[in-house]
C-alpha atoms as a PDB file:
ATOM      1  CA  MET A   1      -4.180  10.905  18.747  1.00  0.00           C
ATOM      2  CA  GLY A   2      -5.488   7.469  17.812  1.00  0.00           C
ATOM      3  CA  ARG A   3      -4.511   3.939  18.705  1.00  0.00           C
ATOM      4  CA  PRO A   4      -1.006   2.826  17.750  1.00  0.00           C
ATOM      5  CA  GLU A   5      -0.567   1.295  14.297  1.00  0.00           C
ATOM      6  CA  VAL A   6       1.589  -1.860  14.060  1.00  0.00           C
ATOM      7  CA  CYS A   7       4.080  -1.790  11.191  1.00  0.00           C
ATOM      8  CA  VAL A   8       6.991  -3.955  10.049  1.00  0.00           C
ATOM      9  CA  GLY A   9      10.272  -3.330   8.277  1.00  0.00           C
ATOM     10  CA  ALA A  10      12.585  -5.652   6.336  1.00  0.00           C
ATOM     11  CA  VAL A  11      16.302  -5.347   7.090  1.00  0.00           C
ATOM     12  CA  CYS A  12      17.797  -7.033   4.023  1.00  0.00           C
ATOM     13  CA  ARG A  13      21.566  -7.233   3.681  1.00  0.00           C
ATOM     14  CA  ARG A  14      23.579  -8.574   0.778  1.00  0.00           C
ATOM     15  CA  GLY A  15      27.298  -8.439   1.515  1.00  0.00           C
ATOM     16  CA  ASN A  16      28.018  -4.797   2.381  1.00  0.00           C
ATOM     17  CA  ASP A  17      24.751  -3.527   0.887  1.00  0.00           C
ATOM     18  CA  LEU A  18      21.418  -2.720   2.548  1.00  0.00           C
ATOM     19  CA  LEU A  19      18.132  -2.754   0.632  1.00  0.00           C
ATOM     20  CA  MET A  20      16.487   0.682   0.804  1.00  0.00           C
ATOM     21  CA  VAL A  21      13.415   2.328  -0.723  1.00  0.00           C
ATOM     22  CA  ARG A  22      12.595   5.991  -1.277  1.00  0.00           C
ATOM     23  CA  ARG A  23       9.166   6.788   0.174  1.00  0.00           C
ATOM     24  CA  GLY A  24       6.684   8.365  -2.240  1.00  0.00           C
ATOM     25  CA  HIS A  25       3.838   9.279   0.116  1.00  0.00           C
ATOM     26  CA  GLY A  26       3.042  10.406   3.622  1.00  0.00           C
ATOM     27  CA  PRO A  27       5.129  12.257   6.167  1.00  0.00           C
ATOM     28  CA  ALA A  28       8.317  10.412   5.117  1.00  0.00           C
ATOM     29  CA  ALA A  29       7.936  11.154   1.371  1.00  0.00           C
ATOM     30  CA  GLY A  30      11.309  11.631  -0.293  1.00  0.00           C
ATOM     31  CA  THR A  31      13.287   9.880   2.437  1.00  0.00           C
ATOM     32  CA  TRP A  32      15.127   6.579   2.109  1.00  0.00           C
ATOM     33  CA  ALA A  33      13.897   3.852   4.450  1.00  0.00           C
ATOM     34  CA  LEU A  34      13.681   0.110   4.920  1.00  0.00           C
ATOM     35  CA  PRO A  35      10.979  -1.660   2.911  1.00  0.00           C
ATOM     36  CA  GLY A  36       7.941  -2.050   5.116  1.00  0.00           C
ATOM     37  CA  GLY A  37       4.532  -0.859   6.149  1.00  0.00           C
ATOM     38  CA  ARG A  38       1.375  -1.631   8.086  1.00  0.00           C
ATOM     39  CA  VAL A  39       0.398  -5.107   9.209  1.00  0.00           C
ATOM     40  CA  GLU A  40      -2.967  -5.994   7.667  1.00  0.00           C
ATOM     41  CA  ALA A  41      -5.824  -7.691   9.536  1.00  0.00           C
ATOM     42  CA  GLY A  42      -5.415 -11.474   9.737  1.00  0.00           C
ATOM     43  CA  GLU A  43      -1.745 -11.360   8.749  1.00  0.00           C
ATOM     44  CA  THR A  44       1.197 -12.564  10.838  1.00  0.00           C
ATOM     45  CA  LEU A  45       4.182 -10.257  11.297  1.00  0.00           C
ATOM     46  CA  ALA A  46       6.326 -12.536   9.093  1.00  0.00           C
ATOM     47  CA  GLU A  47       3.680 -12.520   6.348  1.00  0.00           C
ATOM     48  CA  ALA A  48       3.552  -8.717   6.496  1.00  0.00           C
ATOM     49  CA  VAL A  49       7.346  -8.447   6.152  1.00  0.00           C
ATOM     50  CA  VAL A  50       7.436 -10.709   3.088  1.00  0.00           C
ATOM     51  CA  ARG A  51       4.404  -8.990   1.500  1.00  0.00           C
ATOM     52  CA  GLU A  52       5.782  -5.473   2.042  1.00  0.00           C
ATOM     53  CA  LEU A  53       9.189  -6.508   0.697  1.00  0.00           C
ATOM     54  CA  GLU A  54       7.590  -7.830  -2.495  1.00  0.00           C
ATOM     55  CA  GLU A  55       5.186  -4.896  -2.911  1.00  0.00           C
ATOM     56  CA  GLU A  56       7.878  -2.243  -2.506  1.00  0.00           C
ATOM     57  CA  THR A  57      10.845  -3.908  -4.246  1.00  0.00           C
ATOM     58  CA  GLY A  58       9.504  -6.804  -6.347  1.00  0.00           C
ATOM     59  CA  LEU A  59      11.885  -9.132  -4.483  1.00  0.00           C
ATOM     60  CA  HIS A  60      10.985 -12.387  -2.749  1.00  0.00           C
ATOM     61  CA  GLY A  61      12.351 -13.078   0.706  1.00  0.00           C
ATOM     62  CA  VAL A  62      12.079 -14.973   3.943  1.00  0.00           C
ATOM     63  CA  CYS A  63      11.455 -13.254   7.259  1.00  0.00           C
ATOM     64  CA  GLY A  64      14.072 -13.916   9.926  1.00  0.00           C
ATOM     65  CA  PRO A  65      14.367 -12.891  13.578  1.00  0.00           C
ATOM     66  CA  LEU A  66      13.257  -9.598  15.082  1.00  0.00           C
ATOM     67  CA  LEU A  67      16.142  -7.116  14.961  1.00  0.00           C
ATOM     68  CA  GLY A  68      14.486  -4.394  17.016  1.00  0.00           C
ATOM     69  CA  TRP A  69      11.590  -1.974  17.265  1.00  0.00           C
ATOM     70  CA  ALA A  70      11.048   1.746  17.051  1.00  0.00           C
ATOM     71  CA  GLU A  71       8.218   4.209  17.578  1.00  0.00           C
ATOM     72  CA  ASP A  72       7.177   6.964  15.187  1.00  0.00           C
ATOM     73  CA  PRO A  73       4.794   9.451  16.813  1.00  0.00           C
ATOM     74  CA  THR A  74       4.934  11.896  13.871  1.00  0.00           C
ATOM     75  CA  ALA A  75       2.514  10.124  11.514  1.00  0.00           C
ATOM     76  CA  GLY A  76      -0.683  11.559  13.040  1.00  0.00           C
ATOM     77  CA  ARG A  77      -1.116   8.450  15.161  1.00  0.00           C
ATOM     78  CA  PRO A  78       1.675   6.553  16.910  1.00  0.00           C
ATOM     79  CA  TRP A  79       3.306   3.798  14.875  1.00  0.00           C
ATOM     80  CA  VAL A  80       5.182   0.891  16.416  1.00  0.00           C
ATOM     81  CA  VAL A  81       7.600  -0.491  13.835  1.00  0.00           C
ATOM     82  CA  LEU A  82       9.009  -4.003  14.284  1.00  0.00           C
ATOM     83  CA  ASP A  83      12.096  -4.484  12.103  1.00  0.00           C
ATOM     84  CA  PHE A  84      13.010  -8.030  11.115  1.00  0.00           C
ATOM     85  CA  GLU A  85      16.112  -9.439   9.483  1.00  0.00           C
ATOM     86  CA  CYS A  86      15.106 -10.685   6.058  1.00  0.00           C
ATOM     87  CA  THR A  87      16.855 -12.836   3.467  1.00  0.00           C
ATOM     88  CA  VAL A  88      16.226 -11.984  -0.187  1.00  0.00           C
ATOM     89  CA  LEU A  89      15.902 -15.164  -2.247  1.00  0.00           C
ATOM     90  CA  THR A  90      16.337 -13.701  -5.730  1.00  0.00           C
ATOM     91  CA  THR A  91      19.240 -11.998  -7.482  1.00  0.00           C
ATOM     92  CA  GLU A  92      17.213  -9.648  -9.680  1.00  0.00           C
ATOM     93  CA  PRO A  93      17.657  -5.937  -9.038  1.00  0.00           C
ATOM     94  CA  PRO A  94      14.893  -4.350  -6.960  1.00  0.00           C
ATOM     95  CA  GLU A  95      12.104  -2.473  -8.744  1.00  0.00           C
ATOM     96  CA  ALA A  96      10.141   0.163  -6.871  1.00  0.00           C
ATOM     97  CA  GLY A  97       6.448  -0.494  -6.398  1.00  0.00           C
ATOM     98  CA  ASP A  98       3.510   0.372  -4.148  1.00  0.00           C
ATOM     99  CA  ASP A  99       4.397   3.620  -2.332  1.00  0.00           C
ATOM    100  CA  ALA A 100       8.148   3.422  -3.092  1.00  0.00           C
ATOM    101  CA  THR A 101       9.455   5.654  -5.875  1.00  0.00           C
ATOM    102  CA  GLU A 102      12.931   4.039  -5.932  1.00  0.00           C
ATOM    103  CA  ALA A 103      14.452   0.833  -4.592  1.00  0.00           C
ATOM    104  CA  ARG A 104      18.117  -0.120  -4.566  1.00  0.00           C
ATOM    105  CA  TRP A 105      20.932  -1.846  -2.738  1.00  0.00           C
ATOM    106  CA  VAL A 106      22.947   0.836  -0.928  1.00  0.00           C
ATOM    107  CA  PRO A 107      26.492   0.305   0.388  1.00  0.00           C
ATOM    108  CA  VAL A 108      26.223   0.485   4.181  1.00  0.00           C
ATOM    109  CA  TRP A 109      28.798   3.288   4.405  1.00  0.00           C
ATOM    110  CA  GLU A 110      26.556   5.466   2.185  1.00  0.00           C
ATOM    111  CA  VAL A 111      23.375   4.932   4.227  1.00  0.00           C
ATOM    112  CA  PRO A 112      24.057   7.744   6.773  1.00  0.00           C
ATOM    113  CA  GLU A 113      24.583  10.184   3.875  1.00  0.00           C
ATOM    114  CA  LEU A 114      21.066   9.573   2.503  1.00  0.00           C
ATOM    115  CA  ARG A 115      18.051  11.616   3.537  1.00  0.00           C
ATOM    116  CA  LEU A 116      16.591   9.218   6.130  1.00  0.00           C
ATOM    117  CA  PRO A 117      13.535   9.398   8.394  1.00  0.00           C
ATOM    118  CA  GLU A 118      14.361  10.752  11.832  1.00  0.00           C
ATOM    119  CA  GLY A 119      16.018   8.124  14.033  1.00  0.00           C
ATOM    120  CA  LEU A 120      16.658   5.497  11.325  1.00  0.00           C
ATOM    121  CA  ALA A 121      20.437   5.978  11.156  1.00  0.00           C
ATOM    122  CA  GLU A 122      20.682   5.724  14.935  1.00  0.00           C
ATOM    123  CA  PHE A 123      18.502   2.586  14.959  1.00  0.00           C
ATOM    124  CA  LEU A 124      20.617   0.920  12.254  1.00  0.00           C
ATOM    125  CA  ALA A 125      23.860   1.829  14.059  1.00  0.00           C
ATOM    126  CA  GLU A 126      22.522   0.641  17.432  1.00  0.00           C
ATOM    127  CA  HIS A 127      21.679  -2.741  15.900  1.00  0.00           C
ATOM    128  CA  GLY A 128      24.989  -3.167  14.035  1.00  0.00           C
ATOM    129  CA  VAL A 129      23.606  -2.754  10.523  1.00  0.00           C
ATOM    130  CA  ILE A 130      25.753   0.318   9.787  1.00  0.00           C
ATOM    131  CA  GLU A 131      28.859   1.680  11.488  1.00  0.00           C
ATOM    132  CA  THR A 132      28.341   3.546  14.732  1.00  0.00           C
ATOM    133  CA  LEU A 133      27.622   7.215  14.119  1.00  0.00           C
ATOM    134  CA  THR A 134      29.964   9.846  15.535  1.00  0.00           C
END
């Protein structure tokens, strides 16, 4: 197992909707997740959030405060994912890009019904993004 990889995620809300992308590659392929990915060398965490948001959805945004963090040990090397609140500045619909095969605003009550990466629904509920799971 290698050194941990630092990743970021963008938690973008618009009213009762949450911005989600369907992963096209890697161990999470086919699942719906937050836009995000690895932090590149020389990049701040906020820059990585804004870049990943644009690459995966075509939307422009501003990185806000840290919402929380999670670990993903299943990717071959441990990943530490720092999820930030993010404000989308444009009203255009999202368009999937980079490693996302789909991107859309999802009503928060539908999020738990999607095929999500392990632990994402619990993370979102714990941080008040979706209703508490029962």
